[in-house]
Amino acid sequence: MRRLAAIGIALSFAACGQDEALRAPAAAAPDAGAPDADTPDAEQPDAGPTIRTVEVRNPFGNTAAENNLMVDGDFEWSSGSGQHGWRATSTTAEVGVSREFGGLCRSGVSCGILENGVALIGLATAPRKKKMLITAYAKPPEPDCGLVSIQLISCTSITVFTLATVPATQNAPAESGWCQYRALGPEMNEQPCLYVTTFTQVGERVLMDDVSILAADGTGASPLAPTVPSAELHARIVRDVRWMHEHQLFGRPERPRD
């Protein structure tokens, strides 16, 4: 039993980091009675600086956003170059969707990575005869929410489509470093998509997470105003949507014949 107890203590110490140590509770004075429940917090012994915090994360992302019409708003299922809820393109071709994991993300256990020269395309479904409440979060490398551009486009047509910018609610991110982008989108009879780009420097990255499109009742956000994109951005969106159309797989793959 003594050996087992010693092993347990050793494992407890091994679980701590190099700058952490188990601290025994302060011994009470011999004549001290039971702890007083009314003792102010200021009189309680100091536990020392915070070294580690524990969070509870849902591996399915932000499930509080019920009826989210984004295929994969939390980047939990999109990775690589598969045909998932998010697609990524460079200036020349489709590339794999990169992700970050763990506490750096805003919701769930994974989030998307957006880099200079790469565009993320998030697929969604339009609510029937209702406007869309669009919300997204990005964490830029600098405190400037203008480093990320989010466009609402149609992924159904490659010649005629709605294009509007989803603005940031503030110029600077919150204390957590995350910027919120929010707007009320119009009714759409075509498949809505979000086209996300960044103006960061080469080598810097933006985290994207907790993206939702919900059926809206017309309140809670400013309506989107149609915007005219630059010729370069317009040409790139048309090229990327055409690429997805030409390489989209429908139905089950054909089985090889003998």
Protein backbone atom coordinates (compact mmCIF):
# COMPACT_ATOMS: atom_id res chain seq x y z
CA MET A 1 0.00 0.00 0.00
CA ARG A 2 2.85 2.39 0.81
CA ARG A 3 4.38 1.74 -2.61
CA LEU A 4 1.05 2.46 -4.34
CA ALA A 5 0.65 5.67 -2.35
CA ALA A 6 4.16 6.78 -3.32
CA ILE A 7 3.47 6.07 -7.00
CA GLY A 8 0.24 8.07 -6.80
CA ILE A 9 2.02 11.08 -5.32
CA ALA A 10 4.77 10.85 -7.98
CA LEU A 11 2.18 10.75 -10.77
CA SER A 12 0.41 13.77 -9.28
CA PHE A 13 3.63 15.77 -9.39
CA ALA A 14 4.38 14.55 -12.93
CA ALA A 15 1.00 15.87 -14.14
CA CYS A 16 2.00 19.43 -13.23
CA GLY A 17 4.10 21.65 -15.43
CA GLN A 18 7.64 22.67 -14.64
CA ASP A 19 6.40 25.88 -13.04
CA GLU A 20 3.66 24.14 -11.05
CA ALA A 21 3.75 22.33 -7.74
CA LEU A 22 1.29 20.79 -5.36
CA ARG A 23 0.67 23.01 -2.37
CA ALA A 24 -0.40 21.55 0.95
CA PRO A 25 -3.22 23.40 2.74
CA ALA A 26 -2.12 25.75 5.48
CA ALA A 27 -2.22 24.12 8.90
CA ALA A 28 -4.84 25.52 11.25
CA ALA A 29 -3.88 26.82 14.67
CA PRO A 30 -4.38 24.27 17.50
CA ASP A 31 -7.16 26.30 19.10
CA ALA A 32 -8.84 27.22 15.82
CA GLY A 33 -12.29 25.88 15.41
CA ALA A 34 -14.13 24.97 12.23
CA PRO A 35 -13.74 27.46 9.34
CA ASP A 36 -16.20 30.32 9.56
CA ALA A 37 -18.46 30.34 6.48
CA ASP A 38 -18.85 34.10 6.84
CA THR A 39 -15.12 34.82 6.63
CA PRO A 40 -14.52 37.38 3.83
CA ASP A 41 -12.58 36.23 0.78
CA ALA A 42 -9.84 38.74 1.64
CA GLU A 43 -9.08 36.77 4.79
CA GLN A 44 -8.78 33.43 3.00
CA PRO A 45 -5.25 32.13 2.34
CA ASP A 46 -3.80 33.16 -1.03
CA ALA A 47 -3.76 30.26 -3.48
CA GLY A 48 -1.12 31.94 -5.64
CA PRO A 49 -1.28 33.14 -9.27
CA THR A 50 -3.52 31.39 -11.81
CA ILE A 51 -1.50 28.90 -13.82
CA ARG A 52 -4.12 26.88 -15.64
CA THR A 53 -7.83 27.22 -16.39
CA VAL A 54 -10.24 24.48 -17.39
CA GLU A 55 -12.94 24.92 -20.02
CA VAL A 56 -15.77 22.69 -21.15
CA ARG A 57 -15.96 22.56 -24.96
CA ASN A 58 -18.61 20.92 -27.13
CA PRO A 59 -16.99 18.95 -30.00
CA PHE A 60 -20.02 19.82 -32.13
CA GLY A 61 -19.33 23.55 -31.83
CA ASN A 62 -21.83 26.20 -30.83
CA THR A 63 -24.99 24.14 -30.51
CA ALA A 64 -26.76 27.08 -28.84
CA ALA A 65 -27.16 28.56 -32.34
CA GLU A 66 -30.15 26.37 -33.15
CA ASN A 67 -31.08 25.77 -36.79
CA ASN A 68 -27.76 27.11 -38.06
CA LEU A 69 -27.97 27.05 -41.86
CA MET A 70 -24.19 26.98 -42.29
CA VAL A 71 -23.04 23.50 -43.30
CA ASP A 72 -20.11 23.66 -40.86
CA GLY A 73 -20.11 26.97 -39.03
CA ASP A 74 -17.57 25.87 -36.40
CA PHE A 75 -15.06 24.14 -38.71
CA GLU A 76 -15.52 20.88 -36.80
CA TRP A 77 -15.86 18.72 -39.93
CA SER A 78 -13.99 20.61 -42.67
CA SER A 79 -10.35 19.75 -43.25
CA GLY A 80 -8.04 19.20 -46.19
CA SER A 81 -9.38 19.49 -49.72
CA GLY A 82 -12.51 17.36 -49.33
CA GLN A 83 -15.95 18.64 -50.31
CA HIS A 84 -17.01 19.81 -46.86
CA GLY A 85 -18.81 22.86 -45.51
CA TRP A 86 -15.77 25.06 -46.14
CA ARG A 87 -13.58 25.23 -49.24
CA ALA A 88 -10.29 27.10 -49.59
CA THR A 89 -8.72 28.56 -52.72
CA SER A 90 -5.47 30.32 -53.49
CA THR A 91 -4.93 32.75 -56.32
CA THR A 92 -4.40 29.82 -58.69
CA ALA A 93 -6.19 26.69 -57.42
CA GLU A 94 -8.12 25.00 -54.63
CA VAL A 95 -6.10 24.27 -51.49
CA GLY A 96 -6.74 22.39 -48.28
CA VAL A 97 -8.66 23.97 -45.41
CA SER A 98 -6.27 24.53 -42.49
CA ARG A 99 -7.50 24.36 -38.88
CA GLU A 100 -6.40 25.24 -35.36
CA PHE A 101 -7.45 23.20 -32.33
CA GLY A 102 -8.13 23.67 -28.65
CA GLY A 103 -8.45 26.73 -26.46
CA LEU A 104 -7.31 29.16 -29.17
CA CYS A 105 -10.69 28.69 -30.87
CA ARG A 106 -13.85 30.55 -29.88
CA SER A 107 -16.28 27.61 -29.92
CA GLY A 108 -15.95 23.87 -30.12
CA VAL A 109 -12.55 22.24 -30.41
CA SER A 110 -11.41 23.45 -33.86
CA CYS A 111 -11.49 26.61 -35.97
CA GLY A 112 -10.41 27.69 -39.43
CA ILE A 113 -7.15 29.37 -40.41
CA LEU A 114 -7.20 32.14 -43.02
CA GLU A 115 -3.94 33.37 -44.53
CA ASN A 116 -2.92 36.05 -46.98
CA GLY A 117 -3.68 34.98 -50.57
CA VAL A 118 -6.23 32.35 -49.48
CA ALA A 119 -10.02 32.66 -49.58
CA LEU A 120 -12.44 30.61 -47.49
CA ILE A 121 -15.84 29.76 -48.95
CA GLY A 122 -18.49 28.72 -46.43
CA LEU A 123 -21.51 26.88 -47.81
CA ALA A 124 -24.98 27.41 -46.38
CA THR A 125 -28.69 27.03 -47.07
CA ALA A 126 -31.15 29.91 -47.41
CA PRO A 127 -34.25 29.98 -45.20
CA ARG A 128 -37.51 29.77 -47.07
CA LYS A 129 -38.98 33.23 -47.68
CA LYS A 130 -37.11 34.79 -44.78
CA LYS A 131 -34.19 37.11 -44.32
CA MET A 132 -30.90 35.83 -42.93
CA LEU A 133 -29.16 36.89 -39.73
CA ILE A 134 -25.46 36.45 -40.50
CA THR A 135 -22.92 36.33 -37.66
CA ALA A 136 -19.22 35.44 -37.84
CA TYR A 137 -16.14 35.80 -35.65
CA ALA A 138 -12.53 36.34 -36.68
CA LYS A 139 -9.36 36.78 -34.63
CA PRO A 140 -6.80 38.83 -36.61
CA PRO A 141 -3.12 39.04 -35.64
CA GLU A 142 -3.50 42.78 -34.99
CA PRO A 143 -6.32 44.68 -33.23
CA ASP A 144 -7.96 45.71 -36.50
CA CYS A 145 -11.25 44.10 -37.54
CA GLY A 146 -10.87 45.66 -40.99
CA LEU A 147 -8.20 43.07 -41.83
CA VAL A 148 -10.97 40.57 -42.64
CA SER A 149 -13.52 40.91 -45.45
CA ILE A 150 -16.68 38.76 -45.46
CA GLN A 151 -18.86 38.79 -48.56
CA LEU A 152 -22.32 37.27 -48.97
CA ILE A 153 -22.51 35.71 -52.43
CA SER A 154 -24.58 33.15 -54.32
CA CYS A 155 -22.97 29.79 -54.99
CA THR A 156 -25.73 28.82 -57.42
CA SER A 157 -24.94 31.13 -60.32
CA ILE A 158 -21.55 32.06 -61.70
CA THR A 159 -22.83 35.00 -63.75
CA VAL A 160 -25.47 36.77 -61.64
CA PHE A 161 -25.23 36.73 -57.86
CA THR A 162 -25.86 38.91 -54.84
CA LEU A 163 -22.76 40.47 -53.34
CA ALA A 164 -22.68 42.43 -50.10
CA THR A 165 -20.18 42.94 -47.30
CA VAL A 166 -20.91 41.70 -43.78
CA PRO A 167 -19.44 44.51 -41.63
CA ALA A 168 -17.68 44.29 -38.28
CA THR A 169 -19.72 45.54 -35.34
CA GLN A 170 -16.63 47.33 -33.96
CA ASN A 171 -13.39 48.58 -35.51
CA ALA A 172 -11.31 46.86 -32.82
CA PRO A 173 -11.75 43.35 -31.44
CA ALA A 174 -13.11 42.55 -27.99
CA GLU A 175 -10.80 41.92 -25.05
CA SER A 176 -10.63 38.27 -26.11
CA GLY A 177 -9.16 39.34 -29.47
CA TRP A 178 -12.21 38.24 -31.48
CA CYS A 179 -14.03 40.52 -33.92
CA GLN A 180 -17.74 40.07 -34.53
CA TYR A 181 -19.24 40.52 -38.00
CA ARG A 182 -23.03 40.75 -38.12
CA ALA A 183 -25.72 41.85 -40.56
CA LEU A 184 -29.21 41.11 -41.79
CA GLY A 185 -29.10 39.52 -45.24
CA PRO A 186 -31.91 39.58 -47.82
CA GLU A 187 -34.15 36.72 -48.87
CA MET A 188 -32.37 34.51 -51.39
CA ASN A 189 -33.72 31.97 -53.85
CA GLU A 190 -30.20 30.70 -54.49
CA GLN A 191 -27.64 28.98 -52.27
CA PRO A 192 -25.91 31.55 -50.05
CA CYS A 193 -22.18 31.34 -49.39
CA LEU A 194 -19.74 33.43 -47.40
CA TYR A 195 -16.55 34.44 -49.17
CA VAL A 196 -13.85 35.41 -46.66
CA THR A 197 -10.50 37.04 -47.44
CA THR A 198 -7.88 38.87 -45.40
CA PHE A 199 -5.52 41.83 -45.83
CA THR A 200 -2.91 40.55 -43.37
CA GLN A 201 0.77 40.34 -44.20
CA VAL A 202 2.30 37.21 -45.72
CA GLY A 203 2.98 34.71 -42.95
CA GLU A 204 0.30 36.07 -40.62
CA ARG A 205 -2.92 34.21 -39.99
CA VAL A 206 -6.51 34.87 -38.95
CA LEU A 207 -8.66 32.45 -36.98
CA MET A 208 -12.27 32.01 -38.14
CA ASP A 209 -14.94 30.41 -35.97
CA ASP A 210 -18.56 30.37 -34.76
CA VAL A 211 -20.17 31.35 -38.08
CA SER A 212 -23.94 31.17 -38.32
CA ILE A 213 -26.78 32.01 -40.70
CA LEU A 214 -30.18 31.93 -39.03
CA ALA A 215 -33.68 32.64 -40.28
CA ALA A 216 -34.39 36.20 -39.11
CA ASP A 217 -37.50 38.14 -38.23
CA GLY A 218 -36.02 41.41 -39.47
CA THR A 219 -34.54 42.60 -36.18
CA GLY A 220 -31.23 42.44 -34.37
CA ALA A 221 -28.83 43.76 -37.02
CA SER A 222 -28.40 46.37 -39.73
CA PRO A 223 -29.50 45.30 -43.22
CA LEU A 224 -26.84 44.50 -45.77
CA ALA A 225 -26.29 47.03 -48.49
CA PRO A 226 -25.22 45.75 -51.92
CA THR A 227 -21.63 46.69 -52.67
CA VAL A 228 -19.63 46.85 -55.85
CA PRO A 229 -16.50 44.67 -55.58
CA SER A 230 -13.22 45.44 -57.21
CA ALA A 231 -12.67 43.91 -60.63
CA GLU A 232 -10.03 41.61 -59.17
CA LEU A 233 -12.29 40.33 -56.37
CA HIS A 234 -15.22 39.90 -58.75
CA ALA A 235 -13.11 37.86 -61.17
CA ARG A 236 -11.76 35.69 -58.37
CA ILE A 237 -15.22 34.94 -56.92
CA VAL A 238 -16.56 33.99 -60.37
CA ARG A 239 -13.54 31.74 -60.96
CA ASP A 240 -13.87 30.00 -57.59
CA VAL A 241 -17.62 29.41 -57.90
CA ARG A 242 -17.13 28.04 -61.41
CA TRP A 243 -14.40 25.72 -60.10
CA MET A 244 -16.74 24.34 -57.44
CA HIS A 245 -19.46 23.76 -60.03
CA GLU A 246 -17.12 21.93 -62.37
CA HIS A 247 -15.66 19.71 -59.63
CA GLN A 248 -18.72 19.08 -57.50
CA LEU A 249 -19.58 15.41 -57.01
CA PHE A 250 -23.25 14.49 -57.14
CA GLY A 251 -24.53 11.13 -55.90
CA ARG A 252 -22.42 8.09 -55.17
CA PRO A 253 -19.16 7.55 -57.04
CA GLU A 254 -19.39 5.11 -59.93
CA ARG A 255 -18.26 1.60 -59.00
CA PRO A 256 -15.43 0.15 -61.10
CA ARG A 257 -16.55 -2.36 -63.70
CA ASP A 258 -14.99 -5.82 -64.04
